[in-house]
Amino acid sequence: MDGKMDGPAVCDDGLVRPVEQQTVALYSLFKRIEPGQARFLAQVLEQNIAHCVELQVQEQQANDPAYISNLSTESKETAVIRLLSHLPLLRPGNEEAKSRYLELIPKILAHSIRHDVHIEESRQLLSYSLIHPAISNDDRCSLTQWLRQLEDRIHNNDIYPATLEERLPNCTVYPASRENLFITVDLAKSR
C-alpha cells in the first residue's frame, strides 16, 4: 500500500464518496474511541505515511504562509483544490499560516456561492475548517455564517438531499447537543 488515495472511493453500500467526505466521517468516529485505541491507530497511520516524500513536501507547503498567500493569485478552481489538499496538513500552533487560510477560505466560499461554482469542494473545505484542530472556536464561529449560506445555495439548487438523514442513508442521526450530532451507522443496511 502506497498510502495514497486519490479521488472518490466506492463504499460497501455502492455509493461513491469523495476522500474528503470519508476523512470527515473517520474524524467523527475517531473522536469517540478510547485513548489506547487512538494511540494504536496513530502509530499505524504514522508507519503508513513515514516514507511518503510527496506528503512531506505537501505538509511543508501547507505550513508555509507565503505558499498559502500565493494561492490567492491562482484561479479559484486551483485554489480550492489546493486548499482541500493542504488544509488538513496545517499544524496546530502555526498561527501565521492559519491566518492566511482564514483570509483565503472566505474569499473562495464567497466566490463559490456568488457564482454557483465549486459548491461540493467548498462544502468539503468548510467541513475541514470546522473540525480542524488548528482552528479555534472563535474562528469556527466566523466560518459558521458561510455554512448557512452554502447550505442555502445547496438546497436552493437541489444539489443534495434536504436532510442529513437523506444524505447518509445508512446512518441514524441523534442530536447530542445543540452543537453536536451523534451519528450511528447501520452496518446491516450498508452491506
Protein backbone atom coordinates (compact mmCIF):
# COMPACT_ATOMS: atom_id res chain seq x y z
CA MET A 1 0.00 0.00 0.00
CA ASP A 2 1.47 3.34 -1.02
CA GLY A 3 -0.71 5.34 1.38
CA LYS A 4 -2.11 7.44 -1.46
CA MET A 5 -5.78 7.60 -2.32
CA ASP A 6 -6.95 9.98 -4.99
CA GLY A 7 -10.48 10.81 -5.94
CA PRO A 8 -13.66 9.14 -4.80
CA ALA A 9 -13.93 5.72 -3.27
CA VAL A 10 -16.70 3.18 -3.70
CA CYS A 11 -18.18 2.25 -0.33
CA ASP A 12 -19.79 -1.01 0.77
CA ASP A 13 -23.24 0.44 0.06
CA GLY A 14 -22.24 1.04 -3.57
CA LEU A 15 -22.20 4.82 -3.24
CA VAL A 16 -19.22 6.84 -4.37
CA ARG A 17 -17.91 9.25 -1.73
CA PRO A 18 -15.06 11.73 -2.02
CA VAL A 19 -12.00 11.02 0.08
CA GLU A 20 -12.65 14.29 1.92
CA GLN A 21 -16.09 13.06 2.99
CA GLN A 22 -14.54 9.82 4.22
CA THR A 23 -11.97 11.82 6.18
CA VAL A 24 -14.67 13.80 7.97
CA ALA A 25 -16.54 10.56 8.77
CA LEU A 26 -13.36 8.97 10.16
CA TYR A 27 -12.72 12.09 12.25
CA SER A 28 -16.18 11.69 13.75
CA LEU A 29 -15.51 8.04 14.58
CA PHE A 30 -12.02 8.71 15.97
CA LYS A 31 -13.35 11.35 18.36
CA ARG A 32 -15.22 8.59 20.20
CA ILE A 33 -12.50 5.93 20.61
CA GLU A 34 -10.55 5.19 23.76
CA PRO A 35 -7.07 6.75 24.16
CA GLY A 36 -5.30 3.39 23.83
CA GLN A 37 -7.09 2.65 20.58
CA ALA A 38 -6.32 6.16 19.35
CA ARG A 39 -2.60 5.71 20.08
CA PHE A 40 -2.59 2.38 18.22
CA LEU A 41 -4.30 3.91 15.18
CA ALA A 42 -1.91 6.88 15.27
CA GLN A 43 1.07 4.50 15.20
CA VAL A 44 -0.39 2.53 12.29
CA LEU A 45 -1.09 5.71 10.34
CA GLU A 46 2.37 7.15 11.07
CA GLN A 47 4.01 3.94 9.87
CA ASN A 48 1.99 4.04 6.63
CA ILE A 49 2.98 7.62 5.79
CA ALA A 50 6.52 7.76 7.19
CA HIS A 51 8.26 7.40 3.85
CA CYS A 52 5.90 9.39 1.65
CA VAL A 53 8.10 12.17 0.25
CA GLU A 54 5.17 13.73 -1.62
CA LEU A 55 3.30 14.12 1.66
CA GLN A 56 6.32 15.72 3.34
CA VAL A 57 6.56 18.31 0.56
CA GLN A 58 2.84 18.97 0.71
CA GLU A 59 2.95 19.35 4.51
CA GLN A 60 5.79 21.84 4.20
CA GLN A 61 3.75 23.85 1.70
CA ALA A 62 0.65 23.62 3.89
CA ASN A 63 2.50 25.26 6.75
CA ASP A 64 4.24 27.94 4.68
CA PRO A 65 2.31 31.24 4.99
CA ALA A 66 3.82 32.54 1.74
CA TYR A 67 2.67 29.46 -0.18
CA ILE A 68 -0.87 29.81 1.19
CA SER A 69 -0.92 33.54 0.40
CA ASN A 70 0.18 32.81 -3.18
CA LEU A 71 -2.87 30.61 -3.67
CA SER A 72 -4.91 33.82 -3.87
CA THR A 73 -3.17 34.54 -7.19
CA GLU A 74 -4.26 31.18 -8.63
CA SER A 75 -7.60 30.54 -10.31
CA LYS A 76 -10.38 29.88 -7.80
CA GLU A 77 -10.63 26.31 -9.07
CA THR A 78 -6.92 25.67 -8.47
CA ALA A 79 -7.03 27.46 -5.12
CA VAL A 80 -9.94 25.42 -3.78
CA ILE A 81 -8.34 22.13 -4.87
CA ARG A 82 -5.01 23.04 -3.27
CA LEU A 83 -6.73 24.25 -0.11
CA LEU A 84 -8.54 20.92 0.14
CA SER A 85 -5.28 19.02 -0.08
CA HIS A 86 -3.25 21.36 2.14
CA LEU A 87 -5.58 22.49 4.95
CA PRO A 88 -5.69 19.06 6.62
CA LEU A 89 -1.89 19.23 6.92
CA LEU A 90 -1.84 22.58 8.75
CA ARG A 91 -0.10 22.08 12.09
CA PRO A 92 -1.89 23.34 15.19
CA GLY A 93 0.02 26.30 16.60
CA ASN A 94 1.10 27.65 13.22
CA GLU A 95 -0.80 30.91 13.69
CA GLU A 96 0.71 32.72 10.72
CA ALA A 97 -0.25 30.02 8.20
CA LYS A 98 -3.65 29.62 9.87
CA SER A 99 -4.36 33.32 9.43
CA ARG A 100 -3.55 33.02 5.71
CA TYR A 101 -6.02 30.15 5.40
CA LEU A 102 -8.64 32.15 7.28
CA GLU A 103 -8.11 35.08 4.90
CA LEU A 104 -8.38 32.93 1.78
CA ILE A 105 -11.16 30.49 2.68
CA PRO A 106 -13.92 33.15 2.96
CA LYS A 107 -12.87 34.57 -0.43
CA ILE A 108 -13.16 31.12 -2.01
CA LEU A 109 -16.51 30.47 -0.33
CA ALA A 110 -17.88 33.86 -1.37
CA HIS A 111 -16.82 33.26 -4.97
CA SER A 112 -18.32 29.77 -5.00
CA ILE A 113 -21.65 30.93 -3.58
CA ARG A 114 -21.85 34.05 -5.73
CA HIS A 115 -21.04 32.22 -8.99
CA ASP A 116 -22.56 28.84 -8.08
CA VAL A 117 -19.28 27.01 -8.80
CA HIS A 118 -17.16 24.55 -6.82
CA ILE A 119 -20.04 24.03 -4.38
CA GLU A 120 -19.06 20.49 -3.38
CA GLU A 121 -15.39 21.45 -2.97
CA SER A 122 -16.41 24.48 -0.90
CA ARG A 123 -18.59 22.30 1.31
CA GLN A 124 -15.66 19.93 1.86
CA LEU A 125 -13.31 22.83 2.57
CA LEU A 126 -15.72 24.25 5.10
CA SER A 127 -16.12 20.82 6.72
CA TYR A 128 -12.36 20.56 7.16
CA SER A 129 -12.21 24.09 8.51
CA LEU A 130 -14.88 23.43 11.11
CA ILE A 131 -13.21 20.31 12.52
CA HIS A 132 -9.54 21.18 12.13
CA PRO A 133 -7.66 21.19 15.46
CA ALA A 134 -5.69 24.31 14.44
CA ILE A 135 -8.90 26.33 14.05
CA SER A 136 -10.12 27.91 17.29
CA ASN A 137 -13.74 28.11 18.40
CA ASP A 138 -13.76 31.85 17.66
CA ASP A 139 -12.52 31.14 14.13
CA ARG A 140 -15.18 28.46 13.72
CA CYS A 141 -17.88 30.95 14.70
CA SER A 142 -16.83 33.26 11.88
CA LEU A 143 -16.94 30.32 9.44
CA THR A 144 -20.40 29.23 10.55
CA GLN A 145 -22.01 32.10 8.62
CA TRP A 146 -20.57 30.57 5.45
CA LEU A 147 -22.05 27.21 6.35
CA ARG A 148 -25.55 28.70 6.38
CA GLN A 149 -25.01 30.45 3.06
CA LEU A 150 -23.56 27.35 1.45
CA GLU A 151 -26.42 25.18 2.72
CA ASP A 152 -28.91 27.71 1.34
CA ARG A 153 -27.19 27.55 -2.05
CA ILE A 154 -27.18 23.75 -1.97
CA HIS A 155 -30.85 23.48 -1.00
CA ASN A 156 -31.99 26.16 -3.44
CA ASN A 157 -30.32 24.29 -6.29
CA ASP A 158 -31.40 20.84 -5.10
CA ILE A 159 -27.80 19.68 -5.38
CA TYR A 160 -28.11 17.45 -2.32
CA PRO A 161 -30.90 15.82 -0.37
CA ALA A 162 -32.52 18.20 2.08
CA THR A 163 -31.76 16.39 5.34
CA LEU A 164 -28.72 14.82 6.89
CA GLU A 165 -30.61 11.52 7.11
CA GLU A 166 -31.18 11.61 3.33
CA ARG A 167 -27.50 12.38 2.74
CA LEU A 168 -26.43 9.47 4.95
CA PRO A 169 -28.99 6.74 4.23
CA ASN A 170 -27.26 4.06 6.33
CA CYS A 171 -26.98 6.28 9.38
CA THR A 172 -29.19 7.42 12.19
CA VAL A 173 -28.68 10.97 13.39
CA TYR A 174 -29.27 11.84 17.04
CA PRO A 175 -28.83 15.39 18.34
CA ALA A 176 -26.31 15.04 21.19
CA SER A 177 -26.47 18.78 21.88
CA ARG A 178 -27.18 21.98 20.01
CA GLU A 179 -23.65 21.97 18.57
CA ASN A 180 -23.02 18.28 18.02
CA LEU A 181 -24.73 15.38 16.34
CA PHE A 182 -24.29 11.75 17.23
CA ILE A 183 -24.39 9.58 14.11
CA THR A 184 -24.61 5.81 14.13
CA VAL A 185 -24.07 3.63 11.08
CA ASP A 186 -26.35 0.69 10.43
CA LEU A 187 -23.87 -1.85 9.08
CA ALA A 188 -26.67 -4.21 8.04
CA LYS A 189 -28.02 -1.56 5.64
CA SER A 190 -24.60 -0.84 4.20
CA ARG A 191 -23.97 -4.41 3.04
